[in-house]
C-alpha atoms as a PDB file:
ATOM      1  CA  UNK A   1      -5.992  15.526  -4.696  1.00  0.00           C
ATOM      2  CA  UNK A   2      -7.981  13.182  -6.753  1.00  0.00           C
ATOM      3  CA  UNK A   3     -11.877  13.745  -6.674  1.00  0.00           C
ATOM      4  CA  UNK A   4     -14.544  11.595  -8.286  1.00  0.00           C
ATOM      5  CA  UNK A   5     -17.827  13.395  -8.912  1.00  0.00           C
ATOM      6  CA  UNK A   6     -20.721  10.961  -9.845  1.00  0.00           C
ATOM      7  CA  UNK A   7     -18.349   8.990 -11.956  1.00  0.00           C
ATOM      8  CA  UNK A   8     -19.927   6.270 -14.102  1.00  0.00           C
ATOM      9  CA  UNK A   9     -19.064   3.723 -16.752  1.00  0.00           C
ATOM     10  CA  UNK A  10     -21.850   1.840 -18.465  1.00  0.00           C
ATOM     11  CA  UNK A  11     -21.498  -1.016 -21.179  1.00  0.00           C
ATOM     12  CA  UNK A  12     -24.704  -1.398 -22.922  1.00  0.00           C
ATOM     13  CA  UNK A  13     -27.407  -1.582 -20.177  1.00  0.00           C
ATOM     14  CA  UNK A  14     -25.054  -2.676 -17.348  1.00  0.00           C
ATOM     15  CA  UNK A  15     -23.071  -0.266 -15.034  1.00  0.00           C
ATOM     16  CA  UNK A  16     -19.640  -1.394 -14.123  1.00  0.00           C
ATOM     17  CA  UNK A  17     -19.401   1.909 -11.932  1.00  0.00           C
ATOM     18  CA  UNK A  18     -22.461   3.882 -10.955  1.00  0.00           C
ATOM     19  CA  UNK A  19     -22.798   7.380  -9.228  1.00  0.00           C
ATOM     20  CA  UNK A  20     -19.277   7.201  -7.568  1.00  0.00           C
ATOM     21  CA  UNK A  21     -18.231  10.212  -5.570  1.00  0.00           C
ATOM     22  CA  UNK A  22     -15.188  10.036  -3.712  1.00  0.00           C
ATOM     23  CA  UNK A  23     -11.987  12.041  -2.688  1.00  0.00           C
ATOM     24  CA  UNK A  24      -8.635  10.358  -2.491  1.00  0.00           C
ATOM     25  CA  UNK A  25      -6.612  12.233   0.210  1.00  0.00           C
ATOM     26  CA  UNK A  26      -3.261  13.725  -0.632  1.00  0.00           C
ATOM     27  CA  UNK A  27      -0.082  12.051   0.527  1.00  0.00           C
ATOM     28  CA  UNK A  28      -1.887   8.956   1.576  1.00  0.00           C
ATOM     29  CA  UNK A  29      -2.497   5.357   0.278  1.00  0.00           C
ATOM     30  CA  UNK A  30      -6.243   4.529  -0.395  1.00  0.00           C
ATOM     31  CA  UNK A  31      -7.153   1.059  -1.111  1.00  0.00           C
ATOM     32  CA  UNK A  32      -9.808   0.022  -3.591  1.00  0.00           C
ATOM     33  CA  UNK A  33     -11.272  -3.107  -2.192  1.00  0.00           C
ATOM     34  CA  UNK A  34     -14.290  -5.423  -3.222  1.00  0.00           C
ATOM     35  CA  UNK A  35     -15.184  -8.629  -4.674  1.00  0.00           C
ATOM     36  CA  UNK A  36     -14.552  -9.462  -8.353  1.00  0.00           C
ATOM     37  CA  UNK A  37     -16.497  -7.417 -10.765  1.00  0.00           C
ATOM     38  CA  UNK A  38     -17.144  -4.657  -8.260  1.00  0.00           C
ATOM     39  CA  UNK A  39     -15.734  -2.023 -10.612  1.00  0.00           C
ATOM     40  CA  UNK A  40     -12.376  -1.240  -8.575  1.00  0.00           C
ATOM     41  CA  UNK A  41     -10.168  -1.630 -11.579  1.00  0.00           C
ATOM     42  CA  UNK A  42     -12.436   0.160 -13.916  1.00  0.00           C
ATOM     43  CA  UNK A  43     -12.476   3.104 -11.363  1.00  0.00           C
ATOM     44  CA  UNK A  44      -8.738   3.127 -11.304  1.00  0.00           C
ATOM     45  CA  UNK A  45      -8.455   3.039 -15.159  1.00  0.00           C
ATOM     46  CA  UNK A  46     -10.915   5.998 -15.470  1.00  0.00           C
ATOM     47  CA  UNK A  47      -8.537   7.956 -13.418  1.00  0.00           C
ATOM     48  CA  UNK A  48      -5.678   7.855 -15.987  1.00  0.00           C
ATOM     49  CA  UNK A  49      -8.305   7.491 -18.813  1.00  0.00           C
ATOM     50  CA  UNK A  50      -7.081   4.088 -20.006  1.00  0.00           C
ATOM     51  CA  UNK A  51     -10.959   3.718 -19.861  1.00  0.00           C
ATOM     52  CA  UNK A  52     -13.133   6.694 -20.680  1.00  0.00           C
ATOM     53  CA  UNK A  53     -16.061   7.579 -18.257  1.00  0.00           C
ATOM     54  CA  UNK A  54     -19.705   7.305 -19.450  1.00  0.00           C
ATOM     55  CA  UNK A  55     -20.497  10.224 -17.070  1.00  0.00           C
ATOM     56  CA  UNK A  56     -19.403  12.159 -14.148  1.00  0.00           C
ATOM     57  CA  UNK A  57     -15.892  13.891 -13.586  1.00  0.00           C
ATOM     58  CA  UNK A  58     -12.460  12.960 -12.455  1.00  0.00           C
ATOM     59  CA  UNK A  59     -10.685  16.019 -11.096  1.00  0.00           C
ATOM     60  CA  UNK A  60      -6.873  16.049 -10.444  1.00  0.00           C
ATOM     61  CA  UNK A  61      -6.010  19.026  -8.175  1.00  0.00           C
ATOM     62  CA  UNK A  62      -9.352  20.676  -9.230  1.00  0.00           C
ATOM     63  CA  UNK A  63      -8.677  20.243 -13.074  1.00  0.00           C
ATOM     64  CA  UNK A  64     -11.272  18.100 -15.028  1.00  0.00           C
ATOM     65  CA  UNK A  65      -8.949  15.369 -16.628  1.00  0.00           C
ATOM     66  CA  UNK A  66     -11.288  15.173 -19.611  1.00  0.00           C
ATOM     67  CA  UNK A  67      -9.826  18.584 -20.742  1.00  0.00           C
ATOM     68  CA  UNK A  68      -6.318  17.123 -20.764  1.00  0.00           C
ATOM     69  CA  UNK A  69      -4.754  15.118 -23.564  1.00  0.00           C
ATOM     70  CA  UNK A  70      -4.544  11.525 -22.315  1.00  0.00           C
ATOM     71  CA  UNK A  71      -0.742  11.292 -22.893  1.00  0.00           C
ATOM     72  CA  UNK A  72      -0.132  14.554 -21.070  1.00  0.00           C
ATOM     73  CA  UNK A  73      -2.352  13.268 -18.054  1.00  0.00           C
ATOM     74  CA  UNK A  74      -0.508   9.921 -17.915  1.00  0.00           C
ATOM     75  CA  UNK A  75       2.864  11.398 -17.887  1.00  0.00           C
ATOM     76  CA  UNK A  76       1.917  13.018 -14.421  1.00  0.00           C
ATOM     77  CA  UNK A  77       0.716   9.781 -13.112  1.00  0.00           C
ATOM     78  CA  UNK A  78       2.699   6.687 -12.129  1.00  0.00           C
ATOM     79  CA  UNK A  79       1.062   3.197 -13.051  1.00  0.00           C
ATOM     80  CA  UNK A  80       1.960  -0.110 -11.638  1.00  0.00           C
ATOM     81  CA  UNK A  81       0.415  -3.233 -12.828  1.00  0.00           C
ATOM     82  CA  UNK A  82       0.310  -6.960 -11.648  1.00  0.00           C
ATOM     83  CA  UNK A  83       1.875  -8.261 -14.871  1.00  0.00           C
ATOM     84  CA  UNK A  84       4.593  -5.431 -14.298  1.00  0.00           C
ATOM     85  CA  UNK A  85       4.951  -4.859 -18.062  1.00  0.00           C
ATOM     86  CA  UNK A  86       8.941  -4.401 -18.092  1.00  0.00           C
ATOM     87  CA  UNK A  87      10.228  -4.176 -21.776  1.00  0.00           C
ATOM     88  CA  UNK A  88      12.164  -7.518 -22.127  1.00  0.00           C
ATOM     89  CA  UNK A  89      14.556  -6.112 -24.813  1.00  0.00           C
ATOM     90  CA  UNK A  90      15.597  -3.254 -22.414  1.00  0.00           C
ATOM     91  CA  UNK A  91      17.800  -3.392 -19.562  1.00  0.00           C
ATOM     92  CA  UNK A  92      16.740  -2.508 -15.925  1.00  0.00           C
ATOM     93  CA  UNK A  93      18.015   0.896 -16.171  1.00  0.00           C
ATOM     94  CA  UNK A  94      16.529   1.533 -19.543  1.00  0.00           C
ATOM     95  CA  UNK A  95      13.228   0.452 -18.202  1.00  0.00           C
ATOM     96  CA  UNK A  96      13.284   2.730 -15.393  1.00  0.00           C
ATOM     97  CA  UNK A  97      14.383   5.699 -17.519  1.00  0.00           C
ATOM     98  CA  UNK A  98      11.492   5.108 -20.009  1.00  0.00           C
ATOM     99  CA  UNK A  99       9.340   8.173 -19.004  1.00  0.00           C
ATOM    100  CA  UNK A 100      12.200  10.558 -18.427  1.00  0.00           C
ATOM    101  CA  UNK A 101      13.409   9.605 -21.828  1.00  0.00           C
ATOM    102  CA  UNK A 102      10.057  10.184 -23.415  1.00  0.00           C
ATOM    103  CA  UNK A 103      10.046  13.616 -21.674  1.00  0.00           C
ATOM    104  CA  UNK A 104      13.386  14.572 -23.120  1.00  0.00           C
ATOM    105  CA  UNK A 105      15.052  14.861 -19.788  1.00  0.00           C
ATOM    106  CA  UNK A 106      18.835  15.405 -19.423  1.00  0.00           C
ATOM    107  CA  UNK A 107      20.566  11.856 -19.916  1.00  0.00           C
ATOM    108  CA  UNK A 108      23.177  12.150 -17.123  1.00  0.00           C
ATOM    109  CA  UNK A 109      20.487  13.495 -14.613  1.00  0.00           C
ATOM    110  CA  UNK A 110      18.202  10.597 -15.672  1.00  0.00           C
ATOM    111  CA  UNK A 111      21.006   8.080 -15.164  1.00  0.00           C
ATOM    112  CA  UNK A 112      21.637   9.489 -11.565  1.00  0.00           C
ATOM    113  CA  UNK A 113      17.766   9.336 -10.934  1.00  0.00           C
ATOM    114  CA  UNK A 114      17.731   5.679 -11.972  1.00  0.00           C
ATOM    115  CA  UNK A 115      20.489   4.768  -9.547  1.00  0.00           C
ATOM    116  CA  UNK A 116      18.771   6.713  -6.708  1.00  0.00           C
ATOM    117  CA  UNK A 117      15.492   4.813  -7.423  1.00  0.00           C
ATOM    118  CA  UNK A 118      16.968   1.435  -7.682  1.00  0.00           C
ATOM    119  CA  UNK A 119      18.733   2.067  -4.305  1.00  0.00           C
ATOM    120  CA  UNK A 120      15.352   3.258  -2.907  1.00  0.00           C
ATOM    121  CA  UNK A 121      13.571  -0.087  -3.969  1.00  0.00           C
ATOM    122  CA  UNK A 122      16.450  -2.036  -2.424  1.00  0.00           C
ATOM    123  CA  UNK A 123      18.337  -3.063  -5.716  1.00  0.00           C
ATOM    124  CA  UNK A 124      22.026  -2.235  -5.792  1.00  0.00           C
ATOM    125  CA  UNK A 125      22.508  -0.169  -8.969  1.00  0.00           C
ATOM    126  CA  UNK A 126      25.900  -1.747  -9.796  1.00  0.00           C
ATOM    127  CA  UNK A 127      24.448  -5.154  -9.665  1.00  0.00           C
ATOM    128  CA  UNK A 128      20.878  -4.866 -11.254  1.00  0.00           C
ATOM    129  CA  UNK A 129      21.401  -1.626 -13.718  1.00  0.00           C
ATOM    130  CA  UNK A 130      22.338  -3.858 -16.660  1.00  0.00           C
ATOM    131  CA  UNK A 131      20.290  -6.948 -16.001  1.00  0.00           C
ATOM    132  CA  UNK A 132      17.463  -7.795 -18.394  1.00  0.00           C
ATOM    133  CA  UNK A 133      13.947  -8.577 -16.900  1.00  0.00           C
ATOM    134  CA  UNK A 134      14.404 -12.215 -17.621  1.00  0.00           C
ATOM    135  CA  UNK A 135      17.214 -12.289 -15.090  1.00  0.00           C
ATOM    136  CA  UNK A 136      15.061 -10.974 -12.271  1.00  0.00           C
ATOM    137  CA  UNK A 137      12.832 -12.714  -9.694  1.00  0.00           C
ATOM    138  CA  UNK A 138       9.253 -11.814  -9.503  1.00  0.00           C
ATOM    139  CA  UNK A 139       9.875  -9.555  -6.324  1.00  0.00           C
ATOM    140  CA  UNK A 140      12.829  -7.858  -8.083  1.00  0.00           C
ATOM    141  CA  UNK A 141      10.914  -7.319 -11.274  1.00  0.00           C
ATOM    142  CA  UNK A 142       8.016  -5.734  -9.231  1.00  0.00           C
ATOM    143  CA  UNK A 143      10.507  -3.328  -7.454  1.00  0.00           C
ATOM    144  CA  UNK A 144      11.748  -2.241 -10.852  1.00  0.00           C
ATOM    145  CA  UNK A 145       8.191  -1.653 -11.807  1.00  0.00           C
ATOM    146  CA  UNK A 146       7.639   0.672  -8.831  1.00  0.00           C
ATOM    147  CA  UNK A 147      10.959   2.501  -9.609  1.00  0.00           C
ATOM    148  CA  UNK A 148       9.793   2.998 -13.207  1.00  0.00           C
ATOM    149  CA  UNK A 149       6.509   4.468 -12.085  1.00  0.00           C
ATOM    150  CA  UNK A 150       8.384   6.895  -9.815  1.00  0.00           C
ATOM    151  CA  UNK A 151      10.942   7.884 -12.287  1.00  0.00           C
ATOM    152  CA  UNK A 152       9.445  11.122 -13.373  1.00  0.00           C
ATOM    153  CA  UNK A 153       8.569  11.952  -9.723  1.00  0.00           C
ATOM    154  CA  UNK A 154       4.705  11.844 -10.401  1.00  0.00           C
ATOM    155  CA  UNK A 155       2.520  13.239  -7.371  1.00  0.00           C
ATOM    156  CA  UNK A 156       0.025  10.470  -8.164  1.00  0.00           C
ATOM    157  CA  UNK A 157       0.663   6.590  -8.347  1.00  0.00           C
ATOM    158  CA  UNK A 158      -1.884   4.193  -9.377  1.00  0.00           C
ATOM    159  CA  UNK A 159      -1.278   0.450  -8.486  1.00  0.00           C
ATOM    160  CA  UNK A 160      -3.569  -2.405 -10.102  1.00  0.00           C
ATOM    161  CA  UNK A 161      -3.032  -5.408  -7.825  1.00  0.00           C
ATOM    162  CA  UNK A 162       0.668  -4.924  -8.043  1.00  0.00           C
ATOM    163  CA  UNK A 163       1.601  -7.635  -5.585  1.00  0.00           C
ATOM    164  CA  UNK A 164      -0.972 -10.327  -6.630  1.00  0.00           C
ATOM    165  CA  UNK A 165       1.415 -12.427  -8.679  1.00  0.00           C
ATOM    166  CA  UNK A 166       4.116 -12.693  -5.947  1.00  0.00           C
ATOM    167  CA  UNK A 167       4.604 -15.465  -3.551  1.00  0.00           C
ATOM    168  CA  UNK A 168       3.867 -14.810   0.120  1.00  0.00           C
ATOM    169  CA  UNK A 169       7.403 -14.042   1.261  1.00  0.00           C
ATOM    170  CA  UNK A 170       8.146 -11.926  -1.742  1.00  0.00           C
ATOM    171  CA  UNK A 171       4.743  -9.982  -1.369  1.00  0.00           C
ATOM    172  CA  UNK A 172       5.622  -9.203   2.242  1.00  0.00           C
ATOM    173  CA  UNK A 173       9.055  -7.955   1.451  1.00  0.00           C
ATOM    174  CA  UNK A 174       7.842  -5.812  -1.440  1.00  0.00           C
ATOM    175  CA  UNK A 175       4.893  -4.374   0.385  1.00  0.00           C
ATOM    176  CA  UNK A 176       7.100  -3.373   3.429  1.00  0.00           C
ATOM    177  CA  UNK A 177       9.501  -1.872   0.946  1.00  0.00           C
ATOM    178  CA  UNK A 178       6.881   0.078  -0.641  1.00  0.00           C
ATOM    179  CA  UNK A 179       5.322   1.360   2.789  1.00  0.00           C
ATOM    180  CA  UNK A 180       9.014   2.607   3.608  1.00  0.00           C
ATOM    181  CA  UNK A 181       9.232   4.567   0.294  1.00  0.00           C
ATOM    182  CA  UNK A 182       5.831   6.019   0.795  1.00  0.00           C
ATOM    183  CA  UNK A 183       6.806   7.305   4.323  1.00  0.00           C
ATOM    184  CA  UNK A 184       9.631   9.134   2.536  1.00  0.00           C
ATOM    185  CA  UNK A 185       7.878  10.218  -0.654  1.00  0.00           C
ATOM    186  CA  UNK A 186       4.308  10.809   0.548  1.00  0.00           C
ATOM    187  CA  UNK A 187       2.789  10.301  -2.983  1.00  0.00           C
ATOM    188  CA  UNK A 188      -0.990  10.145  -3.438  1.00  0.00           C
ATOM    189  CA  UNK A 189      -1.653   6.389  -3.896  1.00  0.00           C
ATOM    190  CA  UNK A 190      -4.456   4.580  -5.161  1.00  0.00           C
ATOM    191  CA  UNK A 191      -4.118   0.688  -5.035  1.00  0.00           C
ATOM    192  CA  UNK A 192      -6.519  -1.985  -6.277  1.00  0.00           C
ATOM    193  CA  UNK A 193      -6.758  -5.142  -4.276  1.00  0.00           C
ATOM    194  CA  UNK A 194      -9.107  -8.129  -3.715  1.00  0.00           C
ATOM    195  CA  UNK A 195      -6.847  -9.099  -0.692  1.00  0.00           C
ATOM    196  CA  UNK A 196      -8.399  -7.864   2.584  1.00  0.00           C
ATOM    197  CA  UNK A 197      -5.225  -8.259   4.494  1.00  0.00           C
ATOM    198  CA  UNK A 198      -3.358  -6.299   1.932  1.00  0.00           C
ATOM    199  CA  UNK A 199      -5.844  -3.505   2.016  1.00  0.00           C
ATOM    200  CA  UNK A 200      -6.014  -3.130   5.741  1.00  0.00           C
ATOM    201  CA  UNK A 201      -2.131  -3.345   5.967  1.00  0.00           C
ATOM    202  CA  UNK A 202      -1.228  -0.979   3.143  1.00  0.00           C
ATOM    203  CA  UNK A 203      -4.255   1.499   3.138  1.00  0.00           C
ATOM    204  CA  UNK A 204      -4.409   4.666   5.203  1.00  0.00           C
ATOM    205  CA  UNK A 205      -7.905   4.591   4.012  1.00  0.00           C
ATOM    206  CA  UNK A 206     -10.093   1.829   2.318  1.00  0.00           C
ATOM    207  CA  UNK A 207     -12.985   2.271  -0.215  1.00  0.00           C
ATOM    208  CA  UNK A 208     -15.030  -0.883  -0.222  1.00  0.00           C
ATOM    209  CA  UNK A 209     -16.996  -1.211  -3.511  1.00  0.00           C
ATOM    210  CA  UNK A 210     -19.936  -3.513  -4.440  1.00  0.00           C
ATOM    211  CA  UNK A 211     -21.671  -3.835  -7.741  1.00  0.00           C
ATOM    212  CA  UNK A 212     -20.260  -0.638  -8.941  1.00  0.00           C
ATOM    213  CA  UNK A 213     -21.090   1.514  -6.091  1.00  0.00           C
ATOM    214  CA  UNK A 214     -19.283   2.692  -2.893  1.00  0.00           C
ATOM    215  CA  UNK A 215     -20.345   0.667   0.142  1.00  0.00           C
ATOM    216  CA  UNK A 216     -18.052   2.331   2.665  1.00  0.00           C
ATOM    217  CA  UNK A 217     -15.137   4.491   2.858  1.00  0.00           C
ATOM    218  CA  UNK A 218     -12.837   5.303   5.832  1.00  0.00           C
ATOM    219  CA  UNK A 219      -9.853   4.266   7.678  1.00  0.00           C
ATOM    220  CA  UNK A 220      -9.191   0.501   8.080  1.00  0.00           C
ATOM    221  CA  UNK A 221     -10.320   1.094  11.775  1.00  0.00           C
ATOM    222  CA  UNK A 222     -13.546   2.519  10.471  1.00  0.00           C
ATOM    223  CA  UNK A 223     -14.374  -0.411   8.403  1.00  0.00           C
ATOM    224  CA  UNK A 224     -13.357  -3.094  10.984  1.00  0.00           C
ATOM    225  CA  UNK A 225     -15.048  -1.655  13.955  1.00  0.00           C
ATOM    226  CA  UNK A 226     -17.714   0.469  12.578  1.00  0.00           C
ATOM    227  CA  UNK A 227     -18.955  -1.442   9.327  1.00  0.00           C
ATOM    228  CA  UNK A 228     -21.666   0.731   7.442  1.00  0.00           C
ATOM    229  CA  UNK A 229     -23.632  -2.377   6.510  1.00  0.00           C
ATOM    230  CA  UNK A 230     -24.036  -6.365   6.915  1.00  0.00           C
ATOM    231  CA  UNK A 231     -22.154  -6.645   3.537  1.00  0.00           C
ATOM    232  CA  UNK A 232     -19.041  -4.752   4.981  1.00  0.00           C
ATOM    233  CA  UNK A 233     -19.111  -6.879   8.032  1.00  0.00           C
ATOM    234  CA  UNK A 234     -19.443 -10.201   6.054  1.00  0.00           C
ATOM    235  CA  UNK A 235     -16.892  -9.226   3.545  1.00  0.00           C
ATOM    236  CA  UNK A 236     -14.130  -8.391   6.080  1.00  0.00           C
ATOM    237  CA  UNK A 237     -14.947 -11.571   8.079  1.00  0.00           C
ATOM    238  CA  UNK A 238     -15.229 -12.371  11.785  1.00  0.00           C
ATOM    239  CA  UNK A 239     -11.341 -12.213  12.219  1.00  0.00           C
ATOM    240  CA  UNK A 240     -11.298  -8.742  10.780  1.00  0.00           C
ATOM    241  CA  UNK A 241      -9.792  -7.314  14.136  1.00  0.00           C
ATOM    242  CA  UNK A 242      -6.806  -9.795  13.804  1.00  0.00           C
ATOM    243  CA  UNK A 243      -6.282  -9.167  10.180  1.00  0.00           C
ATOM    244  CA  UNK A 244      -5.957  -5.448  10.962  1.00  0.00           C
ATOM    245  CA  UNK A 245      -3.085  -6.161  13.157  1.00  0.00           C
ATOM    246  CA  UNK A 246      -1.078  -7.249  10.312  1.00  0.00           C
ATOM    247  CA  UNK A 247      -0.655  -3.464   9.384  1.00  0.00           C
ATOM    248  CA  UNK A 248       0.468  -2.416  12.864  1.00  0.00           C
ATOM    249  CA  UNK A 249       4.201  -2.650  13.885  1.00  0.00           C
ATOM    250  CA  UNK A 250       4.948  -4.067  17.199  1.00  0.00           C
ATOM    251  CA  UNK A 251       7.044  -0.909  18.082  1.00  0.00           C
ATOM    252  CA  UNK A 252       3.696   0.792  18.775  1.00  0.00           C
ATOM    253  CA  UNK A 253       3.321  -1.352  21.815  1.00  0.00           C
ATOM    254  CA  UNK A 254       6.763  -1.426  23.429  1.00  0.00           C
ATOM    255  CA  UNK A 255       7.103   0.019  26.788  1.00  0.00           C
ATOM    256  CA  UNK A 256       9.743   0.259  29.541  1.00  0.00           C
ATOM    257  CA  UNK A 257      10.646  -2.986  31.409  1.00  0.00           C
ATOM    258  CA  UNK A 258      13.243  -5.669  32.237  1.00  0.00           C
ATOM    259  CA  UNK A 259      14.510  -7.154  28.899  1.00  0.00           C
ATOM    260  CA  UNK A 260      17.199  -9.435  30.213  1.00  0.00           C
ATOM    261  CA  UNK A 261      16.649 -13.155  29.220  1.00  0.00           C
ATOM    262  CA  UNK A 262      13.640 -12.344  26.987  1.00  0.00           C
ATOM    263  CA  UNK A 263      13.424 -13.424  23.389  1.00  0.00           C
ATOM    264  CA  UNK A 264      13.887 -10.627  20.709  1.00  0.00           C
ATOM    265  CA  UNK A 265      11.455  -9.219  18.278  1.00  0.00           C
ATOM    266  CA  UNK A 266      12.353  -6.659  15.747  1.00  0.00           C
ATOM    267  CA  UNK A 267      10.575  -3.395  15.824  1.00  0.00           C
ATOM    268  CA  UNK A 268       9.240  -3.553  12.415  1.00  0.00           C
ATOM    269  CA  UNK A 269       7.527  -7.056  12.894  1.00  0.00           C
ATOM    270  CA  UNK A 270       3.725  -6.718  12.513  1.00  0.00           C
ATOM    271  CA  UNK A 271       1.745  -7.187  15.785  1.00  0.00           C
ATOM    272  CA  UNK A 272      -0.170 -10.303  14.241  1.00  0.00           C
ATOM    273  CA  UNK A 273       3.186 -12.060  13.469  1.00  0.00           C
ATOM    274  CA  UNK A 274       4.538 -10.817  16.979  1.00  0.00           C
ATOM    275  CA  UNK A 275       1.657 -12.633  18.610  1.00  0.00           C
ATOM    276  CA  UNK A 276       2.430 -15.978  16.636  1.00  0.00           C
ATOM    277  CA  UNK A 277       6.080 -15.685  17.442  1.00  0.00           C
ATOM    278  CA  UNK A 278       5.503 -15.301  21.138  1.00  0.00           C
ATOM    279  CA  UNK A 279       3.048 -18.264  21.093  1.00  0.00           C
ATOM    280  CA  UNK A 280       5.720 -20.355  19.278  1.00  0.00           C
ATOM    281  CA  UNK A 281       8.377 -19.432  21.723  1.00  0.00           C
ATOM    282  CA  UNK A 282       6.041 -20.145  24.707  1.00  0.00           C
ATOM    283  CA  UNK A 283       6.948 -16.720  26.125  1.00  0.00           C
ATOM    284  CA  UNK A 284       4.505 -14.109  27.383  1.00  0.00           C
ATOM    285  CA  UNK A 285       6.736 -11.243  26.997  1.00  0.00           C
ATOM    286  CA  UNK A 286       9.399 -10.316  24.481  1.00  0.00           C
ATOM    287  CA  UNK A 287      12.107  -7.519  24.010  1.00  0.00           C
ATOM    288  CA  UNK A 288      11.470  -5.144  21.092  1.00  0.00           C
ATOM    289  CA  UNK A 289      14.700  -4.119  19.324  1.00  0.00           C
ATOM    290  CA  UNK A 290      15.299  -1.738  16.520  1.00  0.00           C
ATOM    291  CA  UNK A 291      18.712  -2.851  15.114  1.00  0.00           C
ATOM    292  CA  UNK A 292      21.107  -2.519  18.274  1.00  0.00           C
ATOM    293  CA  UNK A 293      18.826  -0.306  20.117  1.00  0.00           C
ATOM    294  CA  UNK A 294      16.375  -1.639  22.763  1.00  0.00           C
ATOM    295  CA  UNK A 295      12.910   0.072  22.387  1.00  0.00           C
ATOM    296  CA  UNK A 296      11.262  -1.724  25.469  1.00  0.00           C
ATOM    297  CA  UNK A 297       9.257  -4.975  26.136  1.00  0.00           C
ATOM    298  CA  UNK A 298       5.962  -6.060  24.959  1.00  0.00           C
ATOM    299  CA  UNK A 299       3.647  -8.599  26.654  1.00  0.00           C
ATOM    300  CA  UNK A 300       1.158 -10.967  25.224  1.00  0.00           C
ATOM    301  CA  UNK A 301      -1.660  -9.101  27.106  1.00  0.00           C
ATOM    302  CA  UNK A 302      -0.529  -5.755  25.536  1.00  0.00           C
ATOM    303  CA  UNK A 303      -0.962  -7.400  22.027  1.00  0.00           C
ATOM    304  CA  UNK A 304      -4.227  -9.155  22.685  1.00  0.00           C
ATOM    305  CA  UNK A 305      -5.646  -5.739  24.173  1.00  0.00           C
ATOM    306  CA  UNK A 306      -4.707  -4.005  20.973  1.00  0.00           C
ATOM    307  CA  UNK A 307      -6.680  -6.619  19.026  1.00  0.00           C
ATOM    308  CA  UNK A 308      -9.749  -5.226  20.653  1.00  0.00           C
ATOM    309  CA  UNK A 309      -8.880  -1.603  21.109  1.00  0.00           C
ATOM    310  CA  UNK A 310      -8.782  -0.087  17.481  1.00  0.00           C
ATOM    311  CA  UNK A 311      -5.277   1.020  16.353  1.00  0.00           C
ATOM    312  CA  UNK A 312      -3.919   2.642  13.233  1.00  0.00           C
ATOM    313  CA  UNK A 313      -0.675   1.910  11.416  1.00  0.00           C
ATOM    314  CA  UNK A 314       2.260   4.007  12.826  1.00  0.00           C
ATOM    315  CA  UNK A 315       2.975   6.937  10.692  1.00  0.00           C
ATOM    316  CA  UNK A 316      -0.025   6.624   8.586  1.00  0.00           C
ATOM    317  CA  UNK A 317      -2.434   9.571   7.442  1.00  0.00           C
ATOM    318  CA  UNK A 318      -5.307   7.612   9.070  1.00  0.00           C
ATOM    319  CA  UNK A 319      -5.590  10.115  11.895  1.00  0.00           C
ATOM    320  CA  UNK A 320      -6.805  12.738   9.432  1.00  0.00           C
ATOM    321  CA  UNK A 321     -10.395  13.134   8.828  1.00  0.00           C
ATOM    322  CA  UNK A 322     -11.790  10.862   6.062  1.00  0.00           C
ATOM    323  CA  UNK A 323     -12.773  12.333   2.859  1.00  0.00           C
ATOM    324  CA  UNK A 324     -15.642  11.105   1.158  1.00  0.00           C
ATOM    325  CA  UNK A 325     -18.883  12.096  -0.305  1.00  0.00           C
ATOM    326  CA  UNK A 326     -22.307  10.505  -1.023  1.00  0.00           C
ATOM    327  CA  UNK A 327     -24.693   8.409   1.182  1.00  0.00           C
ATOM    328  CA  UNK A 328     -22.694   5.149   0.803  1.00  0.00           C
ATOM    329  CA  UNK A 329     -19.670   6.479   2.754  1.00  0.00           C
ATOM    330  CA  UNK A 330     -19.025   6.033   6.491  1.00  0.00           C
ATOM    331  CA  UNK A 331     -18.643   8.716   9.271  1.00  0.00           C
ATOM    332  CA  UNK A 332     -15.734   9.549   9.682  1.00  0.00           C
ATOM    333  CA  UNK A 333      15.583   1.898  28.120  1.00  0.00           C
ATOM    334  CA  UNK A 334      19.009   0.113  28.117  1.00  0.00           C
ATOM    335  CA  UNK A 335      19.746  -3.650  27.947  1.00  0.00           C
ATOM    336  CA  UNK A 336      21.547  -6.386  26.075  1.00  0.00           C
ATOM    337  CA  UNK A 337      20.435  -8.337  23.120  1.00  0.00           C
ATOM    338  CA  UNK A 338      19.235 -11.798  23.813  1.00  0.00           C
ATOM    339  CA  UNK A 339      20.532 -14.624  21.782  1.00  0.00           C
ATOM    340  CA  UNK A 340      17.187 -16.074  21.450  1.00  0.00           C
ATOM    341  CA  UNK A 341      15.712 -14.232  18.384  1.00  0.00           C
ATOM    342  CA  UNK A 342      12.005 -14.676  17.463  1.00  0.00           C
ATOM    343  CA  UNK A 343      12.491 -12.872  14.275  1.00  0.00           C
ATOM    344  CA  UNK A 344      15.162 -12.269  11.553  1.00  0.00           C
ATOM    345  CA  UNK A 345      14.066  -8.731  11.306  1.00  0.00           C
ATOM    346  CA  UNK A 346      11.859  -8.933   8.097  1.00  0.00           C
ATOM    347  CA  UNK A 347       8.735  -7.244   8.847  1.00  0.00           C
ATOM    348  CA  UNK A 348       5.688  -9.579   8.271  1.00  0.00           C
END
């Protein structure tokens, strides 16, 4: 668990971060969100001491990180950045193996771990192991960056706008891949984002910052439906409820019903995309499939009710109590497949 106690960073007479007290729940993704210059990246970098705090504490499982040598601290924390930072003269496998090699781990075990991680992020080891970074697409390179951050199996993963440089299609694919990895590995993840849709989709929790201070902390549902201030409401926008549906898979609303003749939606498709696909097809109902298994049907009315009812991403940790301190935080069937397919199966 990561705990910030009255954390501050001051440059001359200006606070980049001021009096920040916050606990990031274990095995969950917390998104640090806010406008440019609000202190979110500074906060992230104070966790692994790339920036030294001016005051306050960062506790990692109860231990003050100021008492640890920075290099020791960082070996236990994965770090993914927007620029990815792969070494251009090394192969993909060598890049992924960077930290295990620094730690002197067994070479054969590291090679096995590299192949496991490449498979986990959706890159076939036999194809990508020997490639150089220049031979990769942006999305592939970012997946390698995630694999490298996970190579030493750190309990904590810090991500600084990791998907910001990707095109929308690649970004959706890498985000969904990462969410699948997180469901399996259950790391404690802190991700910096200026993208509201990304924060609401990725985060089990969201910490919204403003001018170096915490404006509100809670689940995406807390911020969307119970904004703590006018700033929170305005920052998220009038379409915040619709934005939130991008983080909820349509499988959550599948119910029993007759699926014959209905167009098909893959279960992992997010609810906002499912609404758009049904509108485009001119259909009020669709069949929800997971591979070759029919989960049920979903109606337009089911999804529009969801938009106003408050939903949390399936399998997220958002049902747990929110952890925050300080006055700025918020309170806490069978059937056959239709030939008419609305989605290729790529979650949006």
